[in-house]
């Protein structure tokens, strides 16, 4: 590891924080998956979240009957933990 001094980061680089705790070294890097939604949301974000909640449901049973079971499930279904919305 080179300890010459501070270095400039590139335009797309994210800063990384290294914490030394005895024999263990922890690296903290900001990532999009670690984003936590604030409790005070703007109305625009709240409307987007409400729309995504309405879209994230199984298809009605009558659509399966109408299409002769060619559409069996909602292909755009999203799990809250696996796929994040990105806003």
PDB file of N, CA and C in Angstrom:
ATOM      1  N   UNK A   1       0.839  -1.176   0.000  1.00  0.00           N
ATOM      2  CA  UNK A   1       0.000   0.000   0.000  1.00  0.00           C
ATOM      3  C   UNK A   1       0.878   1.230   0.000  1.00  0.00           C
ATOM      4  N   UNK A   2       0.580   2.175  -0.864  1.00  0.00           N
ATOM      5  CA  UNK A   2       1.378   3.372  -1.016  1.00  0.00           C
ATOM      6  C   UNK A   2       0.806   4.479  -0.140  1.00  0.00           C
ATOM      7  N   UNK A   3       1.621   5.078   0.725  1.00  0.00           N
ATOM      8  CA  UNK A   3       1.169   6.131   1.637  1.00  0.00           C
ATOM      9  C   UNK A   3       1.915   7.424   1.350  1.00  0.00           C
ATOM     10  N   UNK A   4       1.924   7.856   0.089  1.00  0.00           N
ATOM     11  CA  UNK A   4       2.650   9.068  -0.283  1.00  0.00           C
ATOM     12  C   UNK A   4       1.922  10.340   0.117  1.00  0.00           C
ATOM     13  N   UNK A   5       0.621  10.283   0.242  1.00  0.00           N
ATOM     14  CA  UNK A   5      -0.146  11.465   0.588  1.00  0.00           C
ATOM     15  C   UNK A   5      -1.486  11.443  -0.110  1.00  0.00           C
ATOM     16  N   UNK A   6      -2.212  12.548  -0.032  1.00  0.00           N
ATOM     17  CA  UNK A   6      -3.540  12.570  -0.656  1.00  0.00           C
ATOM     18  C   UNK A   6      -3.439  12.524  -2.173  1.00  0.00           C
ATOM     19  N   UNK A   7      -4.374  11.844  -2.783  1.00  0.00           N
ATOM     20  CA  UNK A   7      -4.408  11.741  -4.235  1.00  0.00           C
ATOM     21  C   UNK A   7      -5.743  12.263  -4.725  1.00  0.00           C
ATOM     22  N   UNK A   8      -5.737  12.786  -5.946  1.00  0.00           N
ATOM     23  CA  UNK A   8      -6.974  13.286  -6.528  1.00  0.00           C
ATOM     24  C   UNK A   8      -7.763  12.127  -7.108  1.00  0.00           C
ATOM     25  N   UNK A   9      -9.077  12.203  -6.944  1.00  0.00           N
ATOM     26  CA  UNK A   9      -9.957  11.178  -7.481  1.00  0.00           C
ATOM     27  C   UNK A   9     -10.418  11.591  -8.867  1.00  0.00           C
ATOM     28  N   UNK A  10     -10.688  10.606  -9.685  1.00  0.00           N
ATOM     29  CA  UNK A  10     -11.198  10.868 -11.025  1.00  0.00           C
ATOM     30  C   UNK A  10     -12.621  11.401 -10.968  1.00  0.00           C
ATOM     31  N   UNK A  11     -13.187  11.768 -12.118  1.00  0.00           N
ATOM     32  CA  UNK A  11     -14.527  12.359 -12.118  1.00  0.00           C
ATOM     33  C   UNK A  11     -15.624  11.397 -11.682  1.00  0.00           C
ATOM     34  N   UNK A  12     -15.484  10.086 -11.940  1.00  0.00           N
ATOM     35  CA  UNK A  12     -16.523   9.135 -11.565  1.00  0.00           C
ATOM     36  C   UNK A  12     -16.185   8.317 -10.340  1.00  0.00           C
ATOM     37  N   UNK A  13     -15.067   8.615  -9.689  1.00  0.00           N
ATOM     38  CA  UNK A  13     -14.628   7.805  -8.556  1.00  0.00           C
ATOM     39  C   UNK A  13     -15.367   8.212  -7.291  1.00  0.00           C
ATOM     40  N   UNK A  14     -15.614   7.235  -6.446  1.00  0.00           N
ATOM     41  CA  UNK A  14     -16.243   7.488  -5.150  1.00  0.00           C
ATOM     42  C   UNK A  14     -15.172   7.379  -4.071  1.00  0.00           C
ATOM     43  N   UNK A  15     -15.241   8.241  -3.065  1.00  0.00           N
ATOM     44  CA  UNK A  15     -14.245   8.138  -1.996  1.00  0.00           C
ATOM     45  C   UNK A  15     -14.476   6.888  -1.153  1.00  0.00           C
ATOM     46  N   UNK A  16     -13.394   6.299  -0.685  1.00  0.00           N
ATOM     47  CA  UNK A  16     -13.463   5.120   0.160  1.00  0.00           C
ATOM     48  C   UNK A  16     -12.840   5.463   1.504  1.00  0.00           C
ATOM     49  N   UNK A  17     -13.505   5.088   2.573  1.00  0.00           N
ATOM     50  CA  UNK A  17     -13.019   5.354   3.922  1.00  0.00           C
ATOM     51  C   UNK A  17     -12.529   4.039   4.506  1.00  0.00           C
ATOM     52  N   UNK A  18     -11.298   4.022   5.008  1.00  0.00           N
ATOM     53  CA  UNK A  18     -10.736   2.822   5.621  1.00  0.00           C
ATOM     54  C   UNK A  18     -10.598   3.086   7.113  1.00  0.00           C
ATOM     55  N   UNK A  19     -11.183   2.217   7.913  1.00  0.00           N
ATOM     56  CA  UNK A  19     -11.141   2.344   9.368  1.00  0.00           C
ATOM     57  C   UNK A  19     -10.276   1.216   9.908  1.00  0.00           C
ATOM     58  N   UNK A  20      -9.271   1.573  10.710  1.00  0.00           N
ATOM     59  CA  UNK A  20      -8.394   0.571  11.294  1.00  0.00           C
ATOM     60  C   UNK A  20      -8.828   0.323  12.724  1.00  0.00           C
ATOM     61  N   UNK A  21      -9.219  -0.907  13.029  1.00  0.00           N
ATOM     62  CA  UNK A  21      -9.656  -1.295  14.377  1.00  0.00           C
ATOM     63  C   UNK A  21      -8.849  -2.512  14.810  1.00  0.00           C
ATOM     64  N   UNK A  22      -7.621  -2.295  15.217  1.00  0.00           N
ATOM     65  CA  UNK A  22      -6.782  -3.422  15.621  1.00  0.00           C
ATOM     66  C   UNK A  22      -6.428  -4.272  14.409  1.00  0.00           C
ATOM     67  N   UNK A  23      -6.570  -5.594  14.514  1.00  0.00           N
ATOM     68  CA  UNK A  23      -6.200  -6.454  13.391  1.00  0.00           C
ATOM     69  C   UNK A  23      -7.228  -6.440  12.253  1.00  0.00           C
ATOM     70  N   UNK A  24      -8.405  -5.885  12.498  1.00  0.00           N
ATOM     71  CA  UNK A  24      -9.437  -5.864  11.462  1.00  0.00           C
ATOM     72  C   UNK A  24      -9.443  -4.515  10.753  1.00  0.00           C
ATOM     73  N   UNK A  25      -9.630  -4.533   9.459  1.00  0.00           N
ATOM     74  CA  UNK A  25      -9.727  -3.311   8.673  1.00  0.00           C
ATOM     75  C   UNK A  25     -11.082  -3.311   7.985  1.00  0.00           C
ATOM     76  N   UNK A  26     -11.864  -2.267   8.210  1.00  0.00           N
ATOM     77  CA  UNK A  26     -13.181  -2.145   7.604  1.00  0.00           C
ATOM     78  C   UNK A  26     -13.124  -1.074   6.526  1.00  0.00           C
ATOM     79  N   UNK A  27     -13.713  -1.337   5.391  1.00  0.00           N
ATOM     80  CA  UNK A  27     -13.770  -0.377   4.301  1.00  0.00           C
ATOM     81  C   UNK A  27     -15.213   0.051   4.106  1.00  0.00           C
ATOM     82  N   UNK A  28     -15.437   1.353   4.179  1.00  0.00           N
ATOM     83  CA  UNK A  28     -16.770   1.900   3.962  1.00  0.00           C
ATOM     84  C   UNK A  28     -16.768   2.646   2.639  1.00  0.00           C
ATOM     85  N   UNK A  29     -17.609   2.234   1.737  1.00  0.00           N
ATOM     86  CA  UNK A  29     -17.707   2.878   0.441  1.00  0.00           C
ATOM     87  C   UNK A  29     -19.165   3.212   0.174  1.00  0.00           C
ATOM     88  N   UNK A  30     -19.462   4.465  -0.166  1.00  0.00           N
ATOM     89  CA  UNK A  30     -20.859   4.797  -0.437  1.00  0.00           C
ATOM     90  C   UNK A  30     -21.338   4.107  -1.706  1.00  0.00           C
ATOM     91  N   UNK A  31     -22.462   3.446  -1.627  1.00  0.00           N
ATOM     92  CA  UNK A  31     -23.004   2.759  -2.791  1.00  0.00           C
ATOM     93  C   UNK A  31     -24.483   3.081  -2.901  1.00  0.00           C
ATOM     94  N   UNK A  32     -25.057   2.947  -4.099  1.00  0.00           N
ATOM     95  CA  UNK A  32     -26.478   3.254  -4.257  1.00  0.00           C
ATOM     96  C   UNK A  32     -27.382   2.334  -3.452  1.00  0.00           C
ATOM     97  N   UNK A  33     -26.930   1.110  -3.169  1.00  0.00           N
ATOM     98  CA  UNK A  33     -27.782   0.185  -2.431  1.00  0.00           C
ATOM     99  C   UNK A  33     -27.852   0.530  -0.949  1.00  0.00           C
ATOM    100  N   UNK A  34     -26.927   1.380  -0.458  1.00  0.00           N
ATOM    101  CA  UNK A  34     -26.951   1.735   0.952  1.00  0.00           C
ATOM    102  C   UNK A  34     -27.786   2.989   1.205  1.00  0.00           C
ATOM    103  N   UNK A  35     -28.494   3.480   0.193  1.00  0.00           N
ATOM    104  CA  UNK A  35     -29.324   4.672   0.345  1.00  0.00           C
ATOM    105  C   UNK A  35     -30.544   4.340   1.185  1.00  0.00           C
ATOM    106  N   UNK A  36     -30.832   5.183   2.170  1.00  0.00           N
ATOM    107  CA  UNK A  36     -31.983   4.989   3.042  1.00  0.00           C
ATOM    108  C   UNK A  36     -32.971   6.117   2.764  1.00  0.00           C
ATOM    109  N   UNK A  37     -34.227   5.759   2.570  1.00  0.00           N
ATOM    110  CA  UNK A  37     -35.268   6.747   2.287  1.00  0.00           C
ATOM    111  C   UNK A  37     -35.539   7.576   3.539  1.00  0.00           C
ATOM    112  N   UNK A  38     -35.514   8.902   3.443  1.00  0.00           N
ATOM    113  CA  UNK A  38     -35.793   9.722   4.619  1.00  0.00           C
ATOM    114  C   UNK A  38     -37.256   9.632   5.034  1.00  0.00           C
ATOM    115  N   UNK A  39     -37.516   9.932   6.301  1.00  0.00           N
ATOM    116  CA  UNK A  39     -38.897   9.857   6.783  1.00  0.00           C
ATOM    117  C   UNK A  39     -39.724  11.032   6.275  1.00  0.00           C
ATOM    118  N   UNK A  40     -39.098  12.167   6.007  1.00  0.00           N
ATOM    119  CA  UNK A  40     -39.798  13.325   5.442  1.00  0.00           C
ATOM    120  C   UNK A  40     -39.554  13.333   3.942  1.00  0.00           C
ATOM    121  N   UNK A  41     -40.522  12.828   3.188  1.00  0.00           N
ATOM    122  CA  UNK A  41     -40.381  12.717   1.740  1.00  0.00           C
ATOM    123  C   UNK A  41     -41.021  13.922   1.064  1.00  0.00           C
ATOM    124  N   UNK A  42     -40.526  14.259  -0.109  1.00  0.00           N
ATOM    125  CA  UNK A  42     -41.191  15.280  -0.897  1.00  0.00           C
ATOM    126  C   UNK A  42     -42.436  14.669  -1.522  1.00  0.00           C
ATOM    127  N   UNK A  43     -43.362  15.515  -1.934  1.00  0.00           N
ATOM    128  CA  UNK A  43     -44.605  15.011  -2.511  1.00  0.00           C
ATOM    129  C   UNK A  43     -44.345  14.310  -3.839  1.00  0.00           C
ATOM    130  N   UNK A  44     -43.367  14.788  -4.586  1.00  0.00           N
ATOM    131  CA  UNK A  44     -43.035  14.165  -5.873  1.00  0.00           C
ATOM    132  C   UNK A  44     -42.532  12.733  -5.672  1.00  0.00           C
ATOM    133  N   UNK A  45     -41.651  12.533  -4.692  1.00  0.00           N
ATOM    134  CA  UNK A  45     -41.139  11.187  -4.401  1.00  0.00           C
ATOM    135  C   UNK A  45     -42.262  10.300  -3.883  1.00  0.00           C
ATOM    136  N   UNK A  46     -43.138  10.871  -3.059  1.00  0.00           N
ATOM    137  CA  UNK A  46     -44.238  10.086  -2.503  1.00  0.00           C
ATOM    138  C   UNK A  46     -45.190   9.622  -3.605  1.00  0.00           C
ATOM    139  N   UNK A  47     -45.434  10.468  -4.604  1.00  0.00           N
ATOM    140  CA  UNK A  47     -46.284  10.074  -5.729  1.00  0.00           C
ATOM    141  C   UNK A  47     -45.629   8.959  -6.542  1.00  0.00           C
ATOM    142  N   UNK A  48     -44.315   9.055  -6.752  1.00  0.00           N
ATOM    143  CA  UNK A  48     -43.606   8.008  -7.500  1.00  0.00           C
ATOM    144  C   UNK A  48     -43.646   6.682  -6.751  1.00  0.00           C
ATOM    145  N   UNK A  49     -43.447   6.735  -5.436  1.00  0.00           N
ATOM    146  CA  UNK A  49     -43.490   5.511  -4.639  1.00  0.00           C
ATOM    147  C   UNK A  49     -44.879   4.887  -4.658  1.00  0.00           C
ATOM    148  N   UNK A  50     -45.910   5.724  -4.617  1.00  0.00           N
ATOM    149  CA  UNK A  50     -47.277   5.203  -4.651  1.00  0.00           C
ATOM    150  C   UNK A  50     -47.574   4.536  -5.984  1.00  0.00           C
ATOM    151  N   UNK A  51     -47.088   5.122  -7.077  1.00  0.00           N
ATOM    152  CA  UNK A  51     -47.307   4.518  -8.396  1.00  0.00           C
ATOM    153  C   UNK A  51     -46.593   3.181  -8.492  1.00  0.00           C
ATOM    154  N   UNK A  52     -45.366   3.104  -7.994  1.00  0.00           N
ATOM    155  CA  UNK A  52     -44.618   1.844  -8.039  1.00  0.00           C
ATOM    156  C   UNK A  52     -45.279   0.785  -7.165  1.00  0.00           C
ATOM    157  N   UNK A  53     -45.897   1.198  -6.057  1.00  0.00           N
ATOM    158  CA  UNK A  53     -46.624   0.237  -5.226  1.00  0.00           C
ATOM    159  C   UNK A  53     -47.834  -0.325  -5.960  1.00  0.00           C
ATOM    160  N   UNK A  54     -48.523   0.541  -6.706  1.00  0.00           N
ATOM    161  CA  UNK A  54     -49.690   0.072  -7.462  1.00  0.00           C
ATOM    162  C   UNK A  54     -49.282  -0.854  -8.604  1.00  0.00           C
ATOM    163  N   UNK A  55     -48.138  -0.590  -9.231  1.00  0.00           N
ATOM    164  CA  UNK A  55     -47.684  -1.426 -10.346  1.00  0.00           C
ATOM    165  C   UNK A  55     -47.178  -2.782  -9.871  1.00  0.00           C
ATOM    166  N   UNK A  56     -46.732  -2.858  -8.633  1.00  0.00           N
ATOM    167  CA  UNK A  56     -46.081  -4.061  -8.127  1.00  0.00           C
ATOM    168  C   UNK A  56     -47.118  -5.009  -7.527  1.00  0.00           C
ATOM    169  N   UNK A  57     -47.916  -5.606  -8.373  1.00  0.00           N
ATOM    170  CA  UNK A  57     -48.939  -6.546  -7.915  1.00  0.00           C
ATOM    171  C   UNK A  57     -49.105  -7.623  -8.974  1.00  0.00           C
ATOM    172  N   UNK A  58     -49.642  -8.776  -8.587  1.00  0.00           N
ATOM    173  CA  UNK A  58     -49.870  -9.826  -9.585  1.00  0.00           C
ATOM    174  C   UNK A  58     -50.979  -9.422 -10.555  1.00  0.00           C
ATOM    175  N   UNK A  59     -50.999 -10.063 -11.720  1.00  0.00           N
ATOM    176  CA  UNK A  59     -52.041  -9.734 -12.692  1.00  0.00           C
ATOM    177  C   UNK A  59     -53.372 -10.288 -12.197  1.00  0.00           C
ATOM    178  N   UNK A  60     -54.480  -9.652 -12.558  1.00  0.00           N
ATOM    179  CA  UNK A  60     -55.787 -10.177 -12.156  1.00  0.00           C
ATOM    180  C   UNK A  60     -56.067 -11.523 -12.816  1.00  0.00           C
ATOM    181  N   UNK A  61     -56.868 -12.307 -12.156  1.00  0.00           N
ATOM    182  CA  UNK A  61     -57.159 -13.657 -12.657  1.00  0.00           C
ATOM    183  C   UNK A  61     -57.951 -13.620 -13.960  1.00  0.00           C
ATOM    184  N   UNK A  62     -58.788 -12.590 -14.133  1.00  0.00           N
ATOM    185  CA  UNK A  62     -59.594 -12.533 -15.353  1.00  0.00           C
ATOM    186  C   UNK A  62     -58.748 -12.273 -16.584  1.00  0.00           C
ATOM    187  N   UNK A  63     -57.553 -11.676 -16.426  1.00  0.00           N
ATOM    188  CA  UNK A  63     -56.657 -11.484 -17.575  1.00  0.00           C
ATOM    189  C   UNK A  63     -56.082 -12.831 -18.007  1.00  0.00           C
ATOM    190  N   UNK A  64     -55.810 -13.700 -17.047  1.00  0.00           N
ATOM    191  CA  UNK A  64     -55.351 -15.054 -17.409  1.00  0.00           C
ATOM    192  C   UNK A  64     -56.422 -15.789 -18.200  1.00  0.00           C
ATOM    193  N   UNK A  65     -57.665 -15.600 -17.816  1.00  0.00           N
ATOM    194  CA  UNK A  65     -58.763 -16.256 -18.534  1.00  0.00           C
ATOM    195  C   UNK A  65     -58.959 -15.646 -19.925  1.00  0.00           C
ATOM    196  N   UNK A  66     -58.854 -14.314 -20.004  1.00  0.00           N
ATOM    197  CA  UNK A  66     -59.089 -13.628 -21.278  1.00  0.00           C
ATOM    198  C   UNK A  66     -58.022 -13.967 -22.317  1.00  0.00           C
ATOM    199  N   UNK A  67     -56.772 -14.134 -21.869  1.00  0.00           N
ATOM    200  CA  UNK A  67     -55.678 -14.402 -22.809  1.00  0.00           C
ATOM    201  C   UNK A  67     -55.392 -15.888 -22.947  1.00  0.00           C
ATOM    202  N   UNK A  68     -56.286 -16.726 -22.474  1.00  0.00           N
ATOM    203  CA  UNK A  68     -56.100 -18.187 -22.522  1.00  0.00           C
ATOM    204  C   UNK A  68     -54.788 -18.610 -21.874  1.00  0.00           C
ATOM    205  N   UNK A  69     -54.468 -17.976 -20.780  1.00  0.00           N
ATOM    206  CA  UNK A  69     -53.304 -18.301 -19.954  1.00  0.00           C
ATOM    207  C   UNK A  69     -51.971 -18.062 -20.668  1.00  0.00           C
ATOM    208  N   UNK A  70     -51.946 -17.199 -21.704  1.00  0.00           N
ATOM    209  CA  UNK A  70     -50.658 -16.873 -22.325  1.00  0.00           C
ATOM    210  C   UNK A  70     -49.891 -15.874 -21.463  1.00  0.00           C
ATOM    211  N   UNK A  71     -50.609 -15.005 -20.757  1.00  0.00           N
ATOM    212  CA  UNK A  71     -49.971 -14.120 -19.781  1.00  0.00           C
ATOM    213  C   UNK A  71     -50.233 -14.738 -18.419  1.00  0.00           C
ATOM    214  N   UNK A  72     -49.185 -15.274 -17.808  1.00  0.00           N
ATOM    215  CA  UNK A  72     -49.365 -16.017 -16.562  1.00  0.00           C
ATOM    216  C   UNK A  72     -48.966 -15.235 -15.321  1.00  0.00           C
ATOM    217  N   UNK A  73     -48.044 -14.301 -15.477  1.00  0.00           N
ATOM    218  CA  UNK A  73     -47.576 -13.555 -14.306  1.00  0.00           C
ATOM    219  C   UNK A  73     -47.115 -12.174 -14.749  1.00  0.00           C
ATOM    220  N   UNK A  74     -46.924 -11.296 -13.787  1.00  0.00           N
ATOM    221  CA  UNK A  74     -46.433  -9.949 -14.038  1.00  0.00           C
ATOM    222  C   UNK A  74     -44.913 -10.018 -14.170  1.00  0.00           C
ATOM    223  N   UNK A  75     -44.410  -9.803 -15.381  1.00  0.00           N
ATOM    224  CA  UNK A  75     -42.970  -9.907 -15.629  1.00  0.00           C
ATOM    225  C   UNK A  75     -42.194  -8.769 -14.982  1.00  0.00           C
ATOM    226  N   UNK A  76     -42.860  -7.672 -14.669  1.00  0.00           N
ATOM    227  CA  UNK A  76     -42.180  -6.516 -14.079  1.00  0.00           C
ATOM    228  C   UNK A  76     -42.339  -6.466 -12.570  1.00  0.00           C
ATOM    229  N   UNK A  77     -42.646  -7.585 -11.956  1.00  0.00           N
ATOM    230  CA  UNK A  77     -42.795  -7.647 -10.504  1.00  0.00           C
ATOM    231  C   UNK A  77     -41.448  -7.364  -9.849  1.00  0.00           C
ATOM    232  N   UNK A  78     -41.444  -6.626  -8.751  1.00  0.00           N
ATOM    233  CA  UNK A  78     -40.208  -6.183  -8.105  1.00  0.00           C
ATOM    234  C   UNK A  78     -40.254  -6.547  -6.631  1.00  0.00           C
ATOM    235  N   UNK A  79     -39.150  -7.091  -6.137  1.00  0.00           N
ATOM    236  CA  UNK A  79     -39.034  -7.393  -4.712  1.00  0.00           C
ATOM    237  C   UNK A  79     -38.356  -6.219  -4.020  1.00  0.00           C
ATOM    238  N   UNK A  80     -38.847  -5.834  -2.869  1.00  0.00           N
ATOM    239  CA  UNK A  80     -38.371  -4.625  -2.199  1.00  0.00           C
ATOM    240  C   UNK A  80     -36.912  -4.695  -1.791  1.00  0.00           C
ATOM    241  N   UNK A  81     -36.407  -5.908  -1.560  1.00  0.00           N
ATOM    242  CA  UNK A  81     -35.038  -6.026  -1.091  1.00  0.00           C
ATOM    243  C   UNK A  81     -34.050  -6.275  -2.225  1.00  0.00           C
ATOM    244  N   UNK A  82     -34.468  -7.004  -3.256  1.00  0.00           N
ATOM    245  CA  UNK A  82     -33.559  -7.355  -4.351  1.00  0.00           C
ATOM    246  C   UNK A  82     -33.374  -6.231  -5.358  1.00  0.00           C
ATOM    247  N   UNK A  83     -34.449  -5.581  -5.763  1.00  0.00           N
ATOM    248  CA  UNK A  83     -34.375  -4.570  -6.816  1.00  0.00           C
ATOM    249  C   UNK A  83     -34.801  -3.222  -6.257  1.00  0.00           C
ATOM    250  N   UNK A  84     -33.917  -2.268  -6.323  1.00  0.00           N
ATOM    251  CA  UNK A  84     -34.215  -0.937  -5.802  1.00  0.00           C
ATOM    252  C   UNK A  84     -34.694  -0.032  -6.932  1.00  0.00           C
ATOM    253  N   UNK A  85     -35.425   0.999  -6.571  1.00  0.00           N
ATOM    254  CA  UNK A  85     -36.023   1.875  -7.569  1.00  0.00           C
ATOM    255  C   UNK A  85     -35.025   2.881  -8.133  1.00  0.00           C
ATOM    256  N   UNK A  86     -34.076   3.303  -7.346  1.00  0.00           N
ATOM    257  CA  UNK A  86     -33.047   4.199  -7.857  1.00  0.00           C
ATOM    258  C   UNK A  86     -33.366   5.682  -7.723  1.00  0.00           C
ATOM    259  N   UNK A  87     -34.268   6.030  -6.828  1.00  0.00           N
ATOM    260  CA  UNK A  87     -34.482   7.453  -6.557  1.00  0.00           C
ATOM    261  C   UNK A  87     -34.690   7.679  -5.087  1.00  0.00           C
TER     262      UNK A  87
END
